[in-house]
Structures are given as structure tokens and as C-alpha cells.
PDB file of N, CA and C in Angstrom:
ATOM      1  N   UNK A   1       7.165  -3.102  -6.104  1.00  0.00           N
ATOM      2  CA  UNK A   1       5.617  -3.936  -5.099  1.00  0.00           C
ATOM      3  C   UNK A   1       6.530  -4.289  -4.122  1.00  0.00           C
ATOM      4  N   UNK A   2       7.073  -4.750  -4.772  1.00  0.00           N
ATOM      5  CA  UNK A   2       7.831  -5.843  -3.178  1.00  0.00           C
ATOM      6  C   UNK A   2       8.638  -4.976  -2.183  1.00  0.00           C
ATOM      7  N   UNK A   3       9.720  -3.746  -3.222  1.00  0.00           N
ATOM      8  CA  UNK A   3      10.487  -3.526  -2.956  1.00  0.00           C
ATOM      9  C   UNK A   3      10.106  -1.741  -1.932  1.00  0.00           C
ATOM     10  N   UNK A   4       9.029  -1.186  -2.668  1.00  0.00           N
ATOM     11  CA  UNK A   4       8.356  -0.617  -1.496  1.00  0.00           C
ATOM     12  C   UNK A   4       6.985  -0.677  -0.149  1.00  0.00           C
ATOM     13  N   UNK A   5       6.870  -2.401  -0.541  1.00  0.00           N
ATOM     14  CA  UNK A   5       6.237  -3.039   0.834  1.00  0.00           C
ATOM     15  C   UNK A   5       4.380  -2.374   0.253  1.00  0.00           C
ATOM     16  N   UNK A   6       4.408  -2.284  -0.656  1.00  0.00           N
ATOM     17  CA  UNK A   6       3.140  -2.621  -1.326  1.00  0.00           C
ATOM     18  C   UNK A   6       1.890  -3.678  -1.010  1.00  0.00           C
ATOM     19  N   UNK A   7       1.808  -3.871   0.002  1.00  0.00           N
ATOM     20  CA  UNK A   7       1.533  -5.591  -0.470  1.00  0.00           C
ATOM     21  C   UNK A   7      -0.307  -5.624  -1.052  1.00  0.00           C
ATOM     22  N   UNK A   8      -0.692  -4.860  -0.905  1.00  0.00           N
ATOM     23  CA  UNK A   8      -2.507  -5.100  -2.229  1.00  0.00           C
ATOM     24  C   UNK A   8      -2.230  -4.606  -3.761  1.00  0.00           C
ATOM     25  N   UNK A   9      -1.324  -3.662  -3.318  1.00  0.00           N
ATOM     26  CA  UNK A   9      -0.273  -4.023  -5.318  1.00  0.00           C
ATOM     27  C   UNK A   9      -0.024  -5.387  -5.760  1.00  0.00           C
ATOM     28  N   UNK A  10       0.703  -5.728  -4.780  1.00  0.00           N
ATOM     29  CA  UNK A  10       1.325  -6.995  -5.187  1.00  0.00           C
ATOM     30  C   UNK A  10       0.558  -8.501  -5.137  1.00  0.00           C
ATOM     31  N   UNK A  11      -0.687  -8.093  -4.312  1.00  0.00           N
ATOM     32  CA  UNK A  11      -1.513  -9.452  -3.843  1.00  0.00           C
ATOM     33  C   UNK A  11      -2.306  -9.269  -5.007  1.00  0.00           C
ATOM     34  N   UNK A  12      -3.166  -7.800  -5.240  1.00  0.00           N
ATOM     35  CA  UNK A  12      -3.722  -8.424  -7.360  1.00  0.00           C
ATOM     36  C   UNK A  12      -3.285  -8.592  -7.989  1.00  0.00           C
ATOM     37  N   UNK A  13      -2.017  -8.522  -8.068  1.00  0.00           N
ATOM     38  CA  UNK A  13      -0.517  -8.421  -9.078  1.00  0.00           C
ATOM     39  C   UNK A  13      -0.403  -9.785  -9.550  1.00  0.00           C
ATOM     40  N   UNK A  14      -0.187 -10.934  -8.302  1.00  0.00           N
ATOM     41  CA  UNK A  14      -0.351 -11.872  -8.142  1.00  0.00           C
ATOM     42  C   UNK A  14      -1.678 -12.582  -8.497  1.00  0.00           C
ATOM     43  N   UNK A  15      -2.724 -11.847  -8.445  1.00  0.00           N
ATOM     44  CA  UNK A  15      -4.586 -12.415  -8.783  1.00  0.00           C
ATOM     45  C   UNK A  15      -3.951 -12.506 -10.122  1.00  0.00           C
ATOM     46  N   UNK A  16      -4.699 -11.132 -10.212  1.00  0.00           N
ATOM     47  CA  UNK A  16      -5.016 -11.422 -12.165  1.00  0.00           C
ATOM     48  C   UNK A  16      -3.491 -11.633 -12.778  1.00  0.00           C
ATOM     49  N   UNK A  17      -2.431 -12.962 -12.000  1.00  0.00           N
ATOM     50  CA  UNK A  17      -1.806 -13.828 -13.169  1.00  0.00           C
ATOM     51  C   UNK A  17      -2.023 -14.972 -12.921  1.00  0.00           C
ATOM     52  N   UNK A  18      -2.955 -14.868 -12.036  1.00  0.00           N
ATOM     53  CA  UNK A  18      -2.865 -16.494 -11.642  1.00  0.00           C
ATOM     54  C   UNK A  18      -1.861 -16.590 -11.536  1.00  0.00           C
ATOM     55  N   UNK A  19      -1.203 -16.188 -10.186  1.00  0.00           N
ATOM     56  CA  UNK A  19       0.198 -16.894  -9.173  1.00  0.00           C
ATOM     57  C   UNK A  19       0.074 -17.368  -7.549  1.00  0.00           C
ATOM     58  N   UNK A  20      -0.671 -18.805  -7.684  1.00  0.00           N
ATOM     59  CA  UNK A  20      -1.460 -19.024  -6.826  1.00  0.00           C
ATOM     60  C   UNK A  20      -0.662 -19.463  -5.769  1.00  0.00           C
ATOM     61  N   UNK A  21       0.745 -19.684  -5.723  1.00  0.00           N
ATOM     62  CA  UNK A  21       1.738 -19.759  -4.742  1.00  0.00           C
ATOM     63  C   UNK A  21       2.192 -18.693  -3.947  1.00  0.00           C
ATOM     64  N   UNK A  22       2.415 -17.143  -4.667  1.00  0.00           N
ATOM     65  CA  UNK A  22       2.376 -16.076  -4.149  1.00  0.00           C
ATOM     66  C   UNK A  22       2.037 -15.582  -3.725  1.00  0.00           C
ATOM     67  N   UNK A  23      -0.016 -16.239  -4.247  1.00  0.00           N
ATOM     68  CA  UNK A  23      -1.159 -16.451  -3.254  1.00  0.00           C
ATOM     69  C   UNK A  23      -0.757 -16.064  -1.736  1.00  0.00           C
ATOM     70  N   UNK A  24      -0.672 -17.328  -2.101  1.00  0.00           N
ATOM     71  CA  UNK A  24      -0.952 -18.004  -0.515  1.00  0.00           C
ATOM     72  C   UNK A  24       0.185 -17.698   0.909  1.00  0.00           C
ATOM     73  N   UNK A  25       1.746 -17.192  -0.389  1.00  0.00           N
ATOM     74  CA  UNK A  25       2.567 -16.239   0.615  1.00  0.00           C
ATOM     75  C   UNK A  25       1.841 -15.266   0.967  1.00  0.00           C
ATOM     76  N   UNK A  26       1.152 -14.320   0.825  1.00  0.00           N
ATOM     77  CA  UNK A  26       0.831 -12.762   0.696  1.00  0.00           C
ATOM     78  C   UNK A  26      -0.451 -12.695   1.724  1.00  0.00           C
ATOM     79  N   UNK A  27      -1.141 -14.436   2.095  1.00  0.00           N
ATOM     80  CA  UNK A  27      -2.108 -14.558   2.723  1.00  0.00           C
ATOM     81  C   UNK A  27      -1.221 -14.577   4.216  1.00  0.00           C
ATOM     82  N   UNK A  28      -0.149 -15.253   4.180  1.00  0.00           N
ATOM     83  CA  UNK A  28       0.998 -15.789   5.296  1.00  0.00           C
ATOM     84  C   UNK A  28       1.379 -14.077   6.138  1.00  0.00           C
ATOM     85  N   UNK A  29       2.005 -13.228   5.734  1.00  0.00           N
ATOM     86  CA  UNK A  29       2.390 -12.495   5.532  1.00  0.00           C
ATOM     87  C   UNK A  29       1.638 -11.661   5.675  1.00  0.00           C
ATOM     88  N   UNK A  30       0.589 -11.139   5.688  1.00  0.00           N
ATOM     89  CA  UNK A  30      -0.344 -10.898   5.965  1.00  0.00           C
ATOM     90  C   UNK A  30      -1.065 -11.323   7.355  1.00  0.00           C
ATOM     91  N   UNK A  31      -1.297 -12.263   7.678  1.00  0.00           N
ATOM     92  CA  UNK A  31      -1.374 -13.232   8.871  1.00  0.00           C
ATOM     93  C   UNK A  31      -0.023 -12.551  10.092  1.00  0.00           C
ATOM     94  N   UNK A  32       0.542 -12.573   9.272  1.00  0.00           N
ATOM     95  CA  UNK A  32       2.341 -12.379  10.459  1.00  0.00           C
ATOM     96  C   UNK A  32       2.279 -10.469  10.793  1.00  0.00           C
ATOM     97  N   UNK A  33       1.508 -10.468   9.416  1.00  0.00           N
ATOM     98  CA  UNK A  33       1.467  -8.756   9.879  1.00  0.00           C
ATOM     99  C   UNK A  33       0.620  -8.776  10.825  1.00  0.00           C
ATOM    100  N   UNK A  34      -0.437  -9.432  10.246  1.00  0.00           N
ATOM    101  CA  UNK A  34      -1.639  -8.660  11.637  1.00  0.00           C
ATOM    102  C   UNK A  34      -2.568  -7.614  11.354  1.00  0.00           C
ATOM    103  N   UNK A  35      -2.083  -7.789   9.481  1.00  0.00           N
ATOM    104  CA  UNK A  35      -3.669  -7.315   9.364  1.00  0.00           C
ATOM    105  C   UNK A  35      -4.786  -8.017   8.572  1.00  0.00           C
ATOM    106  N   UNK A  36      -5.332  -6.991   9.330  1.00  0.00           N
ATOM    107  CA  UNK A  36      -6.845  -7.597   8.943  1.00  0.00           C
ATOM    108  C   UNK A  36      -7.730  -8.385   7.531  1.00  0.00           C
ATOM    109  N   UNK A  37      -7.738  -7.082   7.045  1.00  0.00           N
ATOM    110  CA  UNK A  37      -8.041  -6.502   5.974  1.00  0.00           C
ATOM    111  C   UNK A  37      -7.366  -7.448   4.090  1.00  0.00           C
ATOM    112  N   UNK A  38      -6.567  -7.401   4.622  1.00  0.00           N
ATOM    113  CA  UNK A  38      -4.863  -7.694   3.776  1.00  0.00           C
ATOM    114  C   UNK A  38      -5.888  -9.182   3.971  1.00  0.00           C
ATOM    115  N   UNK A  39      -5.950  -9.635   5.197  1.00  0.00           N
ATOM    116  CA  UNK A  39      -6.215 -11.196   5.454  1.00  0.00           C
ATOM    117  C   UNK A  39      -7.433 -11.410   4.504  1.00  0.00           C
ATOM    118  N   UNK A  40      -8.336 -10.501   4.717  1.00  0.00           N
ATOM    119  CA  UNK A  40      -9.421 -10.579   4.067  1.00  0.00           C
ATOM    120  C   UNK A  40      -9.536 -11.137   2.856  1.00  0.00           C
ATOM    121  N   UNK A  41      -8.263 -10.377   2.265  1.00  0.00           N
ATOM    122  CA  UNK A  41      -8.796  -9.522   0.846  1.00  0.00           C
ATOM    123  C   UNK A  41      -7.933 -11.057   0.503  1.00  0.00           C
ATOM    124  N   UNK A  42      -7.171 -12.060   0.841  1.00  0.00           N
ATOM    125  CA  UNK A  42      -6.284 -12.420   0.389  1.00  0.00           C
ATOM    126  C   UNK A  42      -7.165 -13.700   0.029  1.00  0.00           C
ATOM    127  N   UNK A  43      -7.032 -13.652   0.998  1.00  0.00           N
ATOM    128  CA  UNK A  43      -8.088 -15.098   1.483  1.00  0.00           C
ATOM    129  C   UNK A  43      -9.958 -15.719   0.915  1.00  0.00           C
ATOM    130  N   UNK A  44     -10.235 -13.551   0.088  1.00  0.00           N
ATOM    131  CA  UNK A  44     -11.313 -13.326  -0.856  1.00  0.00           C
ATOM    132  C   UNK A  44     -10.709 -14.201  -1.896  1.00  0.00           C
ATOM    133  N   UNK A  45      -9.583 -13.244  -2.714  1.00  0.00           N
ATOM    134  CA  UNK A  45      -9.262 -14.027  -3.602  1.00  0.00           C
ATOM    135  C   UNK A  45      -8.727 -15.189  -3.644  1.00  0.00           C
ATOM    136  N   UNK A  46      -8.031 -16.333  -3.183  1.00  0.00           N
ATOM    137  CA  UNK A  46      -7.703 -17.758  -3.127  1.00  0.00           C
ATOM    138  C   UNK A  46      -9.046 -18.438  -2.790  1.00  0.00           C
ATOM    139  N   UNK A  47     -10.071 -17.364  -2.754  1.00  0.00           N
ATOM    140  CA  UNK A  47     -11.796 -18.439  -2.345  1.00  0.00           C
ATOM    141  C   UNK A  47     -11.810 -19.044  -0.977  1.00  0.00           C
ATOM    142  N   UNK A  48     -11.088 -19.234  -0.186  1.00  0.00           N
ATOM    143  CA  UNK A  48     -10.322 -19.843   1.131  1.00  0.00           C
ATOM    144  C   UNK A  48     -11.944 -19.484   2.253  1.00  0.00           C
ATOM    145  N   UNK A  49     -12.489 -19.877   2.103  1.00  0.00           N
ATOM    146  CA  UNK A  49     -13.772 -19.894   2.857  1.00  0.00           C
ATOM    147  C   UNK A  49     -13.500 -19.676   4.698  1.00  0.00           C
ATOM    148  N   UNK A  50     -13.357 -21.248   4.400  1.00  0.00           N
ATOM    149  CA  UNK A  50     -12.797 -21.033   5.984  1.00  0.00           C
ATOM    150  C   UNK A  50     -11.623 -19.988   7.012  1.00  0.00           C
ATOM    151  N   UNK A  51     -10.889 -19.841   5.788  1.00  0.00           N
ATOM    152  CA  UNK A  51      -9.883 -18.695   6.899  1.00  0.00           C
ATOM    153  C   UNK A  51     -10.605 -17.337   6.762  1.00  0.00           C
ATOM    154  N   UNK A  52     -12.217 -16.871   5.486  1.00  0.00           N
ATOM    155  CA  UNK A  52     -12.217 -15.830   6.116  1.00  0.00           C
ATOM    156  C   UNK A  52     -13.254 -16.247   7.059  1.00  0.00           C
ATOM    157  N   UNK A  53     -13.928 -17.256   7.723  1.00  0.00           N
ATOM    158  CA  UNK A  53     -14.430 -17.569   8.574  1.00  0.00           C
ATOM    159  C   UNK A  53     -13.858 -17.121  10.072  1.00  0.00           C
ATOM    160  N   UNK A  54     -12.979 -18.425   9.386  1.00  0.00           N
ATOM    161  CA  UNK A  54     -12.098 -17.366  11.014  1.00  0.00           C
ATOM    162  C   UNK A  54     -11.828 -15.678  11.004  1.00  0.00           C
ATOM    163  N   UNK A  55     -11.455 -15.563  10.006  1.00  0.00           N
ATOM    164  CA  UNK A  55     -11.394 -14.112  10.873  1.00  0.00           C
ATOM    165  C   UNK A  55     -12.472 -12.946  10.071  1.00  0.00           C
ATOM    166  N   UNK A  56     -12.944 -13.638  10.295  1.00  0.00           N
ATOM    167  CA  UNK A  56     -14.705 -12.507  10.370  1.00  0.00           C
ATOM    168  C   UNK A  56     -14.785 -13.066  11.924  1.00  0.00           C
ATOM    169  N   UNK A  57     -14.907 -14.306  12.920  1.00  0.00           N
ATOM    170  CA  UNK A  57     -15.040 -14.087  14.312  1.00  0.00           C
ATOM    171  C   UNK A  57     -14.066 -13.132  15.233  1.00  0.00           C
ATOM    172  N   UNK A  58     -12.785 -13.719  14.264  1.00  0.00           N
ATOM    173  CA  UNK A  58     -11.905 -13.191  15.204  1.00  0.00           C
ATOM    174  C   UNK A  58     -12.001 -11.152  15.481  1.00  0.00           C
ATOM    175  N   UNK A  59     -12.756 -10.488  14.080  1.00  0.00           N
ATOM    176  CA  UNK A  59     -13.384  -9.421  14.207  1.00  0.00           C
ATOM    177  C   UNK A  59     -14.233  -8.821  15.262  1.00  0.00           C
ATOM    178  N   UNK A  60     -16.034  -9.901  15.727  1.00  0.00           N
ATOM    179  CA  UNK A  60     -16.295  -9.968  15.913  1.00  0.00           C
ATOM    180  C   UNK A  60     -18.018  -9.691  15.025  1.00  0.00           C
ATOM    181  N   UNK A  61     -17.543  -9.849  13.386  1.00  0.00           N
ATOM    182  CA  UNK A  61     -19.091 -10.317  12.755  1.00  0.00           C
ATOM    183  C   UNK A  61     -18.956 -11.726  12.538  1.00  0.00           C
ATOM    184  N   UNK A  62     -20.064 -12.047  14.349  1.00  0.00           N
ATOM    185  CA  UNK A  62     -20.733 -12.971  14.397  1.00  0.00           C
ATOM    186  C   UNK A  62     -21.413 -13.287  13.074  1.00  0.00           C
ATOM    187  N   UNK A  63     -22.303 -12.128  13.118  1.00  0.00           N
ATOM    188  CA  UNK A  63     -23.739 -12.072  11.326  1.00  0.00           C
ATOM    189  C   UNK A  63     -23.354 -13.014   9.992  1.00  0.00           C
ATOM    190  N   UNK A  64     -22.649 -12.109  10.106  1.00  0.00           N
ATOM    191  CA  UNK A  64     -21.375 -12.509   8.814  1.00  0.00           C
ATOM    192  C   UNK A  64     -20.310 -13.679   8.861  1.00  0.00           C
ATOM    193  N   UNK A  65     -19.962 -13.739   9.429  1.00  0.00           N
ATOM    194  CA  UNK A  65     -19.152 -15.507   9.871  1.00  0.00           C
ATOM    195  C   UNK A  65     -20.335 -16.381   9.808  1.00  0.00           C
ATOM    196  N   UNK A  66     -21.500 -16.205  10.106  1.00  0.00           N
ATOM    197  CA  UNK A  66     -22.578 -17.593  10.294  1.00  0.00           C
ATOM    198  C   UNK A  66     -23.306 -17.270   9.246  1.00  0.00           C
ATOM    199  N   UNK A  67     -23.497 -16.807   8.459  1.00  0.00           N
ATOM    200  CA  UNK A  67     -23.780 -16.700   6.578  1.00  0.00           C
ATOM    201  C   UNK A  67     -23.054 -16.976   6.106  1.00  0.00           C
ATOM    202  N   UNK A  68     -21.886 -16.926   6.040  1.00  0.00           N
ATOM    203  CA  UNK A  68     -20.758 -17.219   5.005  1.00  0.00           C
ATOM    204  C   UNK A  68     -19.966 -18.488   5.613  1.00  0.00           C
ATOM    205  N   UNK A  69     -20.118 -18.992   6.264  1.00  0.00           N
ATOM    206  CA  UNK A  69     -20.223 -20.434   6.735  1.00  0.00           C
ATOM    207  C   UNK A  69     -21.741 -21.432   6.673  1.00  0.00           C
ATOM    208  N   UNK A  70     -22.832 -20.960   6.502  1.00  0.00           N
ATOM    209  CA  UNK A  70     -23.719 -21.508   5.972  1.00  0.00           C
ATOM    210  C   UNK A  70     -23.394 -21.365   4.958  1.00  0.00           C
ATOM    211  N   UNK A  71     -22.926 -20.191   3.671  1.00  0.00           N
ATOM    212  CA  UNK A  71     -23.813 -19.747   2.107  1.00  0.00           C
ATOM    213  C   UNK A  71     -22.755 -21.535   2.027  1.00  0.00           C
ATOM    214  N   UNK A  72     -21.619 -21.416   2.321  1.00  0.00           N
ATOM    215  CA  UNK A  72     -20.594 -22.193   1.908  1.00  0.00           C
ATOM    216  C   UNK A  72     -21.066 -23.618   1.760  1.00  0.00           C
ATOM    217  N   UNK A  73     -21.766 -23.470   3.209  1.00  0.00           N
ATOM    218  CA  UNK A  73     -21.688 -25.495   3.384  1.00  0.00           C
ATOM    219  C   UNK A  73     -20.437 -25.627   4.744  1.00  0.00           C
ATOM    220  N   UNK A  74     -20.523 -24.671   5.235  1.00  0.00           N
ATOM    221  CA  UNK A  74     -19.441 -25.122   6.471  1.00  0.00           C
ATOM    222  C   UNK A  74     -20.365 -25.042   7.420  1.00  0.00           C
ATOM    223  N   UNK A  75     -20.724 -26.516   7.755  1.00  0.00           N
ATOM    224  CA  UNK A  75     -22.263 -26.994   8.736  1.00  0.00           C
ATOM    225  C   UNK A  75     -21.727 -27.012  10.092  1.00  0.00           C
ATOM    226  N   UNK A  76     -19.943 -27.129   9.916  1.00  0.00           N
ATOM    227  CA  UNK A  76     -19.653 -27.264  12.362  1.00  0.00           C
ATOM    228  C   UNK A  76     -19.815 -26.162  12.189  1.00  0.00           C
ATOM    229  N   UNK A  77     -18.674 -24.803  11.815  1.00  0.00           N
ATOM    230  CA  UNK A  77     -18.696 -23.580  12.060  1.00  0.00           C
ATOM    231  C   UNK A  77     -19.720 -22.740  12.362  1.00  0.00           C
ATOM    232  N   UNK A  78     -21.140 -23.673  11.053  1.00  0.00           N
ATOM    233  CA  UNK A  78     -22.314 -22.504  11.568  1.00  0.00           C
ATOM    234  C   UNK A  78     -22.938 -22.644  12.020  1.00  0.00           C
ATOM    235  N   UNK A  79     -23.540 -24.235  12.681  1.00  0.00           N
ATOM    236  CA  UNK A  79     -23.902 -24.194  14.001  1.00  0.00           C
ATOM    237  C   UNK A  79     -22.799 -23.924  15.400  1.00  0.00           C
ATOM    238  N   UNK A  80     -21.360 -23.032  15.511  1.00  0.00           N
ATOM    239  CA  UNK A  80     -21.224 -22.920  16.475  1.00  0.00           C
ATOM    240  C   UNK A  80     -21.007 -21.603  16.346  1.00  0.00           C
ATOM    241  N   UNK A  81     -21.276 -21.224  15.324  1.00  0.00           N
ATOM    242  CA  UNK A  81     -21.792 -19.326  15.432  1.00  0.00           C
ATOM    243  C   UNK A  81     -23.017 -19.227  15.757  1.00  0.00           C
ATOM    244  N   UNK A  82     -23.636 -20.449  15.578  1.00  0.00           N
ATOM    245  CA  UNK A  82     -24.807 -19.865  15.664  1.00  0.00           C
ATOM    246  C   UNK A  82     -25.655 -20.344  17.127  1.00  0.00           C
ATOM    247  N   UNK A  83     -24.738 -20.811  17.687  1.00  0.00           N
ATOM    248  CA  UNK A  83     -24.905 -20.866  19.658  1.00  0.00           C
ATOM    249  C   UNK A  83     -24.059 -19.205  19.652  1.00  0.00           C
ATOM    250  N   UNK A  84     -23.418 -18.984  19.365  1.00  0.00           N
ATOM    251  CA  UNK A  84     -22.631 -18.470  19.760  1.00  0.00           C
ATOM    252  C   UNK A  84     -23.383 -16.459  19.073  1.00  0.00           C
ATOM    253  N   UNK A  85     -24.374 -17.455  18.614  1.00  0.00           N
ATOM    254  CA  UNK A  85     -25.219 -15.869  18.281  1.00  0.00           C
ATOM    255  C   UNK A  85     -26.738 -16.151  18.956  1.00  0.00           C
ATOM    256  N   UNK A  86     -26.595 -17.387  19.497  1.00  0.00           N
ATOM    257  CA  UNK A  86     -28.496 -17.138  20.322  1.00  0.00           C
ATOM    258  C   UNK A  86     -28.201 -17.460  22.087  1.00  0.00           C
ATOM    259  N   UNK A  87     -26.382 -17.748  22.191  1.00  0.00           N
ATOM    260  CA  UNK A  87     -26.174 -16.888  23.502  1.00  0.00           C
ATOM    261  C   UNK A  87     -26.256 -15.977  23.468  1.00  0.00           C
ATOM    262  N   UNK A  88     -25.989 -14.948  22.498  1.00  0.00           N
ATOM    263  CA  UNK A  88     -26.276 -13.633  22.441  1.00  0.00           C
ATOM    264  C   UNK A  88     -27.355 -12.865  22.656  1.00  0.00           C
ATOM    265  N   UNK A  89     -28.786 -13.522  22.241  1.00  0.00           N
ATOM    266  CA  UNK A  89     -29.553 -13.422  21.440  1.00  0.00           C
ATOM    267  C   UNK A  89     -29.997 -12.662  20.505  1.00  0.00           C
ATOM    268  N   UNK A  90     -29.321 -12.859  19.477  1.00  0.00           N
ATOM    269  CA  UNK A  90     -29.381 -11.934  17.963  1.00  0.00           C
ATOM    270  C   UNK A  90     -29.348 -13.023  17.504  1.00  0.00           C
ATOM    271  N   UNK A  91     -30.839 -12.581  16.482  1.00  0.00           N
ATOM    272  CA  UNK A  91     -31.076 -14.260  15.539  1.00  0.00           C
ATOM    273  C   UNK A  91     -30.443 -14.086  14.410  1.00  0.00           C
ATOM    274  N   UNK A  92     -31.178 -15.240  14.014  1.00  0.00           N
ATOM    275  CA  UNK A  92     -29.858 -15.868  13.317  1.00  0.00           C
ATOM    276  C   UNK A  92     -29.988 -15.865  11.697  1.00  0.00           C
ATOM    277  N   UNK A  93     -28.634 -14.670  11.146  1.00  0.00           N
ATOM    278  CA  UNK A  93     -29.260 -14.382   9.648  1.00  0.00           C
ATOM    279  C   UNK A  93     -29.354 -15.474   8.367  1.00  0.00           C
ATOM    280  N   UNK A  94     -30.071 -15.493   7.418  1.00  0.00           N
ATOM    281  CA  UNK A  94     -30.398 -16.857   6.952  1.00  0.00           C
ATOM    282  C   UNK A  94     -29.597 -16.071   5.315  1.00  0.00           C
ATOM    283  N   UNK A  95     -29.044 -17.485   4.753  1.00  0.00           N
ATOM    284  CA  UNK A  95     -28.007 -17.244   2.931  1.00  0.00           C
ATOM    285  C   UNK A  95     -28.806 -16.086   2.514  1.00  0.00           C
ATOM    286  N   UNK A  96     -27.764 -15.937   1.501  1.00  0.00           N
ATOM    287  CA  UNK A  96     -28.526 -15.410   0.708  1.00  0.00           C
ATOM    288  C   UNK A  96     -28.624 -15.809  -0.415  1.00  0.00           C
ATOM    289  N   UNK A  97     -28.263 -16.956  -0.712  1.00  0.00           N
ATOM    290  CA  UNK A  97     -27.787 -17.413  -1.405  1.00  0.00           C
ATOM    291  C   UNK A  97     -28.413 -18.903  -1.653  1.00  0.00           C
ATOM    292  N   UNK A  98     -29.395 -19.745  -2.410  1.00  0.00           N
ATOM    293  CA  UNK A  98     -28.983 -21.227  -2.281  1.00  0.00           C
ATOM    294  C   UNK A  98     -27.914 -22.278  -3.465  1.00  0.00           C
ATOM    295  N   UNK A  99     -27.606 -21.112  -4.091  1.00  0.00           N
ATOM    296  CA  UNK A  99     -26.422 -22.391  -5.027  1.00  0.00           C
ATOM    297  C   UNK A  99     -25.564 -20.931  -4.763  1.00  0.00           C
ATOM    298  N   UNK A 100     -24.092 -20.584  -4.562  1.00  0.00           N
ATOM    299  CA  UNK A 100     -23.410 -19.992  -4.263  1.00  0.00           C
ATOM    300  C   UNK A 100     -21.836 -20.851  -4.897  1.00  0.00           C
ATOM    301  N   UNK A 101     -21.423 -19.769  -5.182  1.00  0.00           N
ATOM    302  CA  UNK A 101     -20.519 -20.140  -6.314  1.00  0.00           C
ATOM    303  C   UNK A 101     -19.066 -19.162  -5.809  1.00  0.00           C
ATOM    304  N   UNK A 102     -17.968 -20.329  -5.104  1.00  0.00           N
ATOM    305  CA  UNK A 102     -16.281 -19.532  -5.138  1.00  0.00           C
ATOM    306  C   UNK A 102     -16.467 -18.648  -6.081  1.00  0.00           C
ATOM    307  N   UNK A 103     -15.132 -17.260  -5.365  1.00  0.00           N
ATOM    308  CA  UNK A 103     -14.775 -16.847  -6.290  1.00  0.00           C
ATOM    309  C   UNK A 103     -13.109 -17.386  -6.420  1.00  0.00           C
ATOM    310  N   UNK A 104     -12.327 -18.173  -7.241  1.00  0.00           N
ATOM    311  CA  UNK A 104     -11.578 -18.435  -7.675  1.00  0.00           C
ATOM    312  C   UNK A 104     -10.375 -17.823  -8.685  1.00  0.00           C
ATOM    313  N   UNK A 105      -8.673 -17.310  -8.321  1.00  0.00           N
ATOM    314  CA  UNK A 105      -7.855 -16.584  -8.815  1.00  0.00           C
ATOM    315  C   UNK A 105      -8.538 -16.957 -10.353  1.00  0.00           C
ATOM    316  N   UNK A 106      -7.849 -16.071 -11.621  1.00  0.00           N
ATOM    317  CA  UNK A 106      -8.081 -16.729 -13.031  1.00  0.00           C
ATOM    318  C   UNK A 106      -6.010 -17.526 -13.419  1.00  0.00           C
ATOM    319  N   UNK A 107      -6.761 -19.110 -13.683  1.00  0.00           N
ATOM    320  CA  UNK A 107      -5.331 -19.417 -13.771  1.00  0.00           C
ATOM    321  C   UNK A 107      -4.438 -19.779 -15.528  1.00  0.00           C
ATOM    322  N   UNK A 108      -3.773 -19.436 -15.504  1.00  0.00           N
ATOM    323  CA  UNK A 108      -2.671 -19.248 -16.345  1.00  0.00           C
ATOM    324  C   UNK A 108      -3.235 -20.538 -17.683  1.00  0.00           C
TER     325      UNK A 108
END
């Protein structure tokens, strides 16, 4: 997969084998390539909520960024995004769960 530059399959391979270090490298590669979807998938695989919130803000998905930050306890980010939503005249969405759990890759 490295030779063919099939980054999505390579990220999934690192996920299922529990290779966290290389999965983090894939996240950095996705940032350098400016590949938003790959960056989101890798952040999801790693359980990196802060990076997901930042990415959702970058792509203009403020309600989803607010819900993600509020659900996972990033209160400062949620307040900042909430202020942006209020300034735009949009309602604040409520978190979907009171006891969220992060998605972590399997560890060997």
C-alpha cells in the first residue's frame, strides 16, 4: 500500500494491527496532503477529539464541531464555537449522549 500511495487502506491496516505510531504518521501525512477526509478518519481512528473539532471548524461544520466538543468535554472549544454559532444566529445543538466513549484502535 505504501508503494501505490493508497493511504486510506494503509491507515486501516495500521488501525487493525494496532500500530499507533504509524497511524499518527498517517495523520501528519494527511495534514501535509491537505486531505480533509483522510485527516478526519485518522483522527477518528486515534480517538483524537481535539483534532476532529479543529478540522470540523476548518471545513465550516460549526454545529457538528460544537456537538463533538460538548459531547467529549472540550468546554473551552465548545464555548468558543457556541459564540460563533450565536453570532451567526444559529441555535446550539445539544450533545447526543451523556456518557460518550472514545473510539480507540486495538492494541496488540
